[in-house]
Amino acid sequence: MATSRLSAATSIISAVAAGLLLVGCSASVQVEKTTTPKMSANKLAGIVAEKLATTTGQPKPDIVCPENLAGKVGTITRCKLTADDGSTLGVTVTVTSVDGDQINFDIEADETASPATN
């Protein structure tokens, strides 16, 4: 039974990853003006979850981003998607451009999920 749950979760996560790789995903967000614009980790996680849900046609996944995103081209942060069964998938966020206080970034999910830890 655990194997079929893991397979189902892996299939869902694989569908998310495949959807991202085939469709591509990017976002643009206006943030408060500072020397280098920044987006909070919580706001970034919400936007990534929303974009993934829209791209894949699935419900919003549980996303956690460990740090604020600095609005500097080339900045990369790694977020983590956790499925209902506890398996995880890494998500890379890369800043592609910054226009004033607006940060534009691409989102790319890893191809392989990690099984849930017991």
N, C-alpha and C. Protein backbone atom coordinates (compact mmCIF):
# COMPACT_ATOMS: atom_id res chain seq x y z
N MET A 1 0.83 -1.19 0.00
CA MET A 1 0.00 0.00 0.00
C MET A 1 0.87 1.25 0.00
N ALA A 2 1.96 1.22 0.79
CA ALA A 2 2.85 2.38 0.84
C ALA A 2 3.49 2.62 -0.51
N THR A 3 3.78 1.55 -1.24
CA THR A 3 4.40 1.69 -2.55
C THR A 3 3.45 2.39 -3.52
N SER A 4 2.17 2.04 -3.49
CA SER A 4 1.25 2.69 -4.41
C SER A 4 1.03 4.15 -4.04
N ARG A 5 1.05 4.49 -2.74
CA ARG A 5 0.96 5.90 -2.35
C ARG A 5 2.17 6.68 -2.83
N LEU A 6 3.36 6.07 -2.64
CA LEU A 6 4.58 6.72 -3.10
C LEU A 6 4.54 6.89 -4.61
N SER A 7 4.08 5.86 -5.31
CA SER A 7 3.99 5.94 -6.77
C SER A 7 3.02 7.04 -7.19
N ALA A 8 1.89 7.13 -6.50
CA ALA A 8 0.91 8.17 -6.82
C ALA A 8 1.49 9.55 -6.56
N ALA A 9 2.16 9.71 -5.42
CA ALA A 9 2.77 11.01 -5.09
C ALA A 9 3.86 11.35 -6.09
N THR A 10 4.66 10.34 -6.43
CA THR A 10 5.73 10.56 -7.41
C THR A 10 5.13 10.96 -8.74
N SER A 11 4.02 10.33 -9.13
CA SER A 11 3.36 10.68 -10.39
C SER A 11 2.87 12.11 -10.37
N ILE A 12 2.27 12.53 -9.24
CA ILE A 12 1.79 13.90 -9.12
C ILE A 12 2.95 14.88 -9.21
N ILE A 13 4.01 14.60 -8.44
CA ILE A 13 5.17 15.49 -8.46
C ILE A 13 5.82 15.49 -9.84
N SER A 14 5.87 14.32 -10.48
CA SER A 14 6.44 14.25 -11.83
C SER A 14 5.60 15.07 -12.80
N ALA A 15 4.29 15.03 -12.63
CA ALA A 15 3.41 15.83 -13.49
C ALA A 15 3.67 17.31 -13.30
N VAL A 16 3.90 17.72 -12.05
CA VAL A 16 4.23 19.12 -11.77
C VAL A 16 5.53 19.48 -12.47
N ALA A 17 6.55 18.64 -12.30
CA ALA A 17 7.85 18.91 -12.92
C ALA A 17 7.73 18.93 -14.43
N ALA A 18 7.04 17.95 -15.00
CA ALA A 18 6.90 17.89 -16.46
C ALA A 18 6.15 19.10 -16.96
N GLY A 19 5.10 19.50 -16.25
CA GLY A 19 4.35 20.67 -16.66
C GLY A 19 5.21 21.91 -16.67
N LEU A 20 6.08 22.03 -15.69
CA LEU A 20 6.97 23.20 -15.64
C LEU A 20 7.99 23.16 -16.76
N LEU A 21 8.53 21.99 -17.02
CA LEU A 21 9.55 21.88 -18.05
C LEU A 21 8.97 22.12 -19.43
N LEU A 22 7.74 21.66 -19.66
CA LEU A 22 7.13 21.82 -20.96
C LEU A 22 6.58 23.22 -21.18
N VAL A 23 5.94 23.78 -20.17
CA VAL A 23 5.29 25.07 -20.31
C VAL A 23 6.23 26.21 -19.95
N GLY A 24 7.12 25.99 -19.01
CA GLY A 24 7.96 27.07 -18.51
C GLY A 24 7.13 27.91 -17.55
N CYS A 25 7.78 28.58 -16.69
CA CYS A 25 7.05 29.33 -15.69
C CYS A 25 7.91 30.51 -15.26
N SER A 26 7.32 31.66 -15.23
CA SER A 26 8.03 32.82 -14.74
C SER A 26 7.03 33.74 -14.06
N ALA A 27 7.56 34.65 -13.29
CA ALA A 27 6.69 35.55 -12.55
C ALA A 27 7.34 36.92 -12.45
N SER A 28 6.53 37.87 -12.10
CA SER A 28 6.99 39.23 -11.93
C SER A 28 6.25 39.82 -10.74
N VAL A 29 6.97 40.42 -9.82
CA VAL A 29 6.35 40.94 -8.62
C VAL A 29 6.95 42.29 -8.27
N GLN A 30 6.09 43.22 -7.90
CA GLN A 30 6.57 44.52 -7.45
C GLN A 30 6.74 44.46 -5.94
N VAL A 31 7.90 44.91 -5.47
CA VAL A 31 8.21 44.86 -4.05
C VAL A 31 8.59 46.24 -3.55
N GLU A 32 8.73 46.36 -2.21
CA GLU A 32 9.05 47.68 -1.67
C GLU A 32 10.42 48.17 -2.14
N LYS A 33 10.54 49.46 -2.33
CA LYS A 33 11.75 50.08 -2.86
C LYS A 33 12.82 50.15 -1.77
N THR A 34 13.96 49.57 -2.06
CA THR A 34 15.16 49.68 -1.22
C THR A 34 16.33 49.79 -2.17
N THR A 35 17.54 49.81 -1.65
CA THR A 35 18.70 49.85 -2.52
C THR A 35 18.67 48.67 -3.49
N THR A 36 18.52 47.48 -2.96
CA THR A 36 18.30 46.29 -3.77
C THR A 36 16.93 45.76 -3.37
N PRO A 37 15.98 45.72 -4.32
CA PRO A 37 14.65 45.24 -3.95
C PRO A 37 14.72 43.81 -3.44
N LYS A 38 13.85 43.49 -2.49
CA LYS A 38 13.81 42.14 -1.92
C LYS A 38 12.36 41.70 -1.81
N MET A 39 12.15 40.40 -1.92
CA MET A 39 10.84 39.81 -1.72
C MET A 39 10.95 38.84 -0.55
N SER A 40 9.99 38.89 0.37
CA SER A 40 10.04 38.00 1.52
C SER A 40 9.91 36.54 1.08
N ALA A 41 10.48 35.66 1.87
CA ALA A 41 10.42 34.23 1.57
C ALA A 41 8.98 33.74 1.52
N ASN A 42 8.13 34.25 2.41
CA ASN A 42 6.72 33.83 2.43
C ASN A 42 5.98 34.27 1.17
N LYS A 43 6.22 35.50 0.74
CA LYS A 43 5.57 36.00 -0.47
C LYS A 43 6.06 35.21 -1.68
N LEU A 44 7.36 34.93 -1.74
CA LEU A 44 7.92 34.15 -2.84
C LEU A 44 7.28 32.76 -2.88
N ALA A 45 7.16 32.10 -1.72
CA ALA A 45 6.57 30.76 -1.66
C ALA A 45 5.13 30.79 -2.17
N GLY A 46 4.38 31.81 -1.80
CA GLY A 46 3.00 31.94 -2.26
C GLY A 46 2.89 32.10 -3.77
N ILE A 47 3.77 32.93 -4.32
CA ILE A 47 3.76 33.16 -5.78
C ILE A 47 4.18 31.90 -6.51
N VAL A 48 5.22 31.22 -6.02
CA VAL A 48 5.67 29.97 -6.66
C VAL A 48 4.54 28.95 -6.64
N ALA A 49 3.86 28.79 -5.50
CA ALA A 49 2.76 27.83 -5.40
C ALA A 49 1.64 28.18 -6.38
N GLU A 50 1.32 29.46 -6.46
CA GLU A 50 0.26 29.91 -7.38
C GLU A 50 0.63 29.63 -8.83
N LYS A 51 1.87 29.95 -9.21
CA LYS A 51 2.32 29.72 -10.58
C LYS A 51 2.33 28.23 -10.92
N LEU A 52 2.80 27.39 -9.98
CA LEU A 52 2.81 25.95 -10.22
C LEU A 52 1.39 25.42 -10.40
N ALA A 53 0.47 25.87 -9.57
CA ALA A 53 -0.92 25.43 -9.67
C ALA A 53 -1.52 25.84 -11.01
N THR A 54 -1.27 27.07 -11.42
CA THR A 54 -1.79 27.56 -12.69
C THR A 54 -1.20 26.79 -13.86
N THR A 55 0.11 26.55 -13.82
CA THR A 55 0.80 25.88 -14.91
C THR A 55 0.37 24.42 -15.07
N THR A 56 0.16 23.74 -13.94
CA THR A 56 -0.14 22.30 -13.98
C THR A 56 -1.62 21.98 -13.91
N GLY A 57 -2.45 22.95 -13.53
CA GLY A 57 -3.87 22.69 -13.37
C GLY A 57 -4.18 21.89 -12.11
N GLN A 58 -3.22 21.82 -11.20
CA GLN A 58 -3.37 21.10 -9.93
C GLN A 58 -3.62 22.11 -8.81
N PRO A 59 -4.07 21.62 -7.64
CA PRO A 59 -4.21 22.53 -6.49
C PRO A 59 -2.85 23.11 -6.09
N LYS A 60 -2.88 24.24 -5.38
CA LYS A 60 -1.63 24.86 -4.93
C LYS A 60 -0.85 23.87 -4.06
N PRO A 61 0.41 23.66 -4.39
CA PRO A 61 1.24 22.78 -3.56
C PRO A 61 1.77 23.52 -2.33
N ASP A 62 2.25 22.75 -1.36
CA ASP A 62 2.88 23.32 -0.17
C ASP A 62 4.32 23.66 -0.54
N ILE A 63 4.66 24.94 -0.56
CA ILE A 63 5.99 25.42 -0.94
C ILE A 63 6.59 26.17 0.24
N VAL A 64 7.88 25.93 0.49
CA VAL A 64 8.63 26.68 1.50
C VAL A 64 9.90 27.20 0.84
N CYS A 65 10.14 28.49 0.99
CA CYS A 65 11.38 29.09 0.50
C CYS A 65 12.18 29.54 1.73
N PRO A 66 13.47 29.21 1.80
CA PRO A 66 14.24 29.43 3.02
C PRO A 66 14.71 30.85 3.26
N GLU A 67 14.67 31.68 2.23
CA GLU A 67 15.24 33.02 2.38
C GLU A 67 14.53 34.02 1.49
N ASN A 68 14.68 35.30 1.81
CA ASN A 68 14.16 36.36 0.97
C ASN A 68 14.87 36.32 -0.37
N LEU A 69 14.19 36.79 -1.41
CA LEU A 69 14.78 36.83 -2.74
C LEU A 69 15.30 38.23 -3.02
N ALA A 70 16.61 38.34 -3.24
CA ALA A 70 17.21 39.64 -3.57
C ALA A 70 16.99 39.93 -5.04
N GLY A 71 16.59 41.16 -5.34
CA GLY A 71 16.33 41.56 -6.72
C GLY A 71 17.61 41.92 -7.45
N LYS A 72 18.42 40.93 -7.70
CA LYS A 72 19.66 41.11 -8.45
C LYS A 72 19.70 40.01 -9.50
N VAL A 73 19.86 40.39 -10.77
CA VAL A 73 19.86 39.42 -11.86
C VAL A 73 20.86 38.30 -11.57
N GLY A 74 20.40 37.08 -11.76
CA GLY A 74 21.25 35.91 -11.53
C GLY A 74 21.11 35.32 -10.14
N THR A 75 20.45 36.02 -9.22
CA THR A 75 20.26 35.48 -7.87
C THR A 75 19.41 34.21 -7.97
N ILE A 76 19.84 33.18 -7.26
CA ILE A 76 19.13 31.90 -7.26
C ILE A 76 18.81 31.53 -5.83
N THR A 77 17.59 31.02 -5.62
CA THR A 77 17.22 30.44 -4.34
C THR A 77 16.52 29.13 -4.61
N ARG A 78 16.58 28.23 -3.66
CA ARG A 78 15.95 26.92 -3.79
C ARG A 78 14.79 26.83 -2.81
N CYS A 79 13.64 26.52 -3.33
CA CYS A 79 12.46 26.31 -2.52
C CYS A 79 12.16 24.81 -2.52
N LYS A 80 11.24 24.40 -1.64
CA LYS A 80 10.91 22.97 -1.54
C LYS A 80 9.41 22.78 -1.60
N LEU A 81 8.98 21.90 -2.51
CA LEU A 81 7.59 21.50 -2.63
C LEU A 81 7.43 20.21 -1.84
N THR A 82 6.43 20.15 -0.96
CA THR A 82 6.16 18.93 -0.21
C THR A 82 4.78 18.42 -0.59
N ALA A 83 4.73 17.16 -1.04
CA ALA A 83 3.46 16.52 -1.43
C ALA A 83 2.73 16.04 -0.18
N ASP A 84 1.47 15.66 -0.35
CA ASP A 84 0.64 15.19 0.76
C ASP A 84 1.26 13.99 1.48
N ASP A 85 2.00 13.15 0.76
CA ASP A 85 2.60 11.96 1.38
C ASP A 85 3.95 12.24 2.03
N GLY A 86 4.41 13.48 1.95
CA GLY A 86 5.68 13.85 2.56
C GLY A 86 6.86 13.83 1.60
N SER A 87 6.68 13.32 0.39
CA SER A 87 7.78 13.36 -0.58
C SER A 87 8.02 14.82 -0.98
N THR A 88 9.23 15.12 -1.42
CA THR A 88 9.59 16.50 -1.71
C THR A 88 10.19 16.65 -3.10
N LEU A 89 10.13 17.86 -3.60
CA LEU A 89 10.68 18.19 -4.90
C LEU A 89 11.32 19.57 -4.79
N GLY A 90 12.54 19.70 -5.23
CA GLY A 90 13.21 21.00 -5.21
C GLY A 90 12.70 21.89 -6.33
N VAL A 91 12.65 23.19 -6.05
CA VAL A 91 12.21 24.18 -7.03
C VAL A 91 13.24 25.31 -7.03
N THR A 92 13.80 25.59 -8.19
CA THR A 92 14.80 26.65 -8.33
C THR A 92 14.14 27.93 -8.84
N VAL A 93 14.41 29.03 -8.16
CA VAL A 93 13.91 30.35 -8.56
C VAL A 93 15.13 31.18 -8.95
N THR A 94 15.12 31.72 -10.17
CA THR A 94 16.25 32.50 -10.67
C THR A 94 15.76 33.87 -11.13
N VAL A 95 16.36 34.92 -10.59
CA VAL A 95 16.00 36.29 -10.98
C VAL A 95 16.52 36.53 -12.40
N THR A 96 15.59 36.91 -13.31
CA THR A 96 15.96 37.14 -14.71
C THR A 96 16.14 38.61 -15.03
N SER A 97 15.40 39.48 -14.34
CA SER A 97 15.56 40.91 -14.55
C SER A 97 14.92 41.66 -13.39
N VAL A 98 15.34 42.91 -13.25
CA VAL A 98 14.80 43.78 -12.22
C VAL A 98 14.52 45.12 -12.89
N ASP A 99 13.30 45.61 -12.72
CA ASP A 99 12.91 46.89 -13.30
C ASP A 99 12.42 47.78 -12.16
N GLY A 100 13.30 48.61 -11.64
CA GLY A 100 12.96 49.44 -10.49
C GLY A 100 12.77 48.56 -9.28
N ASP A 101 11.53 48.50 -8.79
CA ASP A 101 11.25 47.65 -7.64
C ASP A 101 10.51 46.37 -8.03
N GLN A 102 10.49 46.06 -9.32
CA GLN A 102 9.83 44.85 -9.80
C GLN A 102 10.87 43.76 -10.10
N ILE A 103 10.69 42.59 -9.47
CA ILE A 103 11.60 41.46 -9.65
C ILE A 103 10.93 40.45 -10.58
N ASN A 104 11.61 40.09 -11.67
CA ASN A 104 11.12 39.08 -12.60
C ASN A 104 11.97 37.83 -12.40
N PHE A 105 11.33 36.67 -12.36
CA PHE A 105 12.09 35.44 -12.12
C PHE A 105 11.46 34.25 -12.82
N ASP A 106 12.30 33.24 -13.05
CA ASP A 106 11.87 31.97 -13.62
C ASP A 106 11.79 30.94 -12.51
N ILE A 107 10.92 29.96 -12.70
CA ILE A 107 10.72 28.89 -11.73
C ILE A 107 10.93 27.57 -12.46
N GLU A 108 11.75 26.68 -11.89
CA GLU A 108 11.98 25.38 -12.51
C GLU A 108 12.04 24.30 -11.43
N ALA A 109 11.19 23.30 -11.58
CA ALA A 109 11.16 22.18 -10.63
C ALA A 109 12.18 21.13 -11.03
N ASP A 110 12.74 20.45 -10.03
CA ASP A 110 13.65 19.34 -10.29
C ASP A 110 12.90 18.23 -11.02
N GLU A 111 13.64 17.37 -11.69
CA GLU A 111 13.03 16.26 -12.41
C GLU A 111 12.69 15.09 -11.51
N THR A 112 13.39 14.95 -10.39
CA THR A 112 13.21 13.79 -9.53
C THR A 112 12.80 14.22 -8.12
N ALA A 113 11.79 13.52 -7.58
CA ALA A 113 11.33 13.78 -6.21
C ALA A 113 12.11 12.93 -5.23
N SER A 114 12.18 13.40 -4.00
CA SER A 114 12.77 12.63 -2.91
C SER A 114 11.64 11.99 -2.11
N PRO A 115 11.77 10.70 -1.77
CA PRO A 115 10.69 10.05 -1.02
C PRO A 115 10.55 10.65 0.37
N ALA A 116 9.39 10.43 0.96
CA ALA A 116 9.11 10.92 2.30
C ALA A 116 10.04 10.25 3.30
N THR A 117 10.45 10.99 4.32
CA THR A 117 11.24 10.41 5.39
C THR A 117 10.28 9.96 6.49
N ASN A 118 10.54 8.83 7.06
CA ASN A 118 9.64 8.28 8.11
C ASN A 118 10.09 8.65 9.47
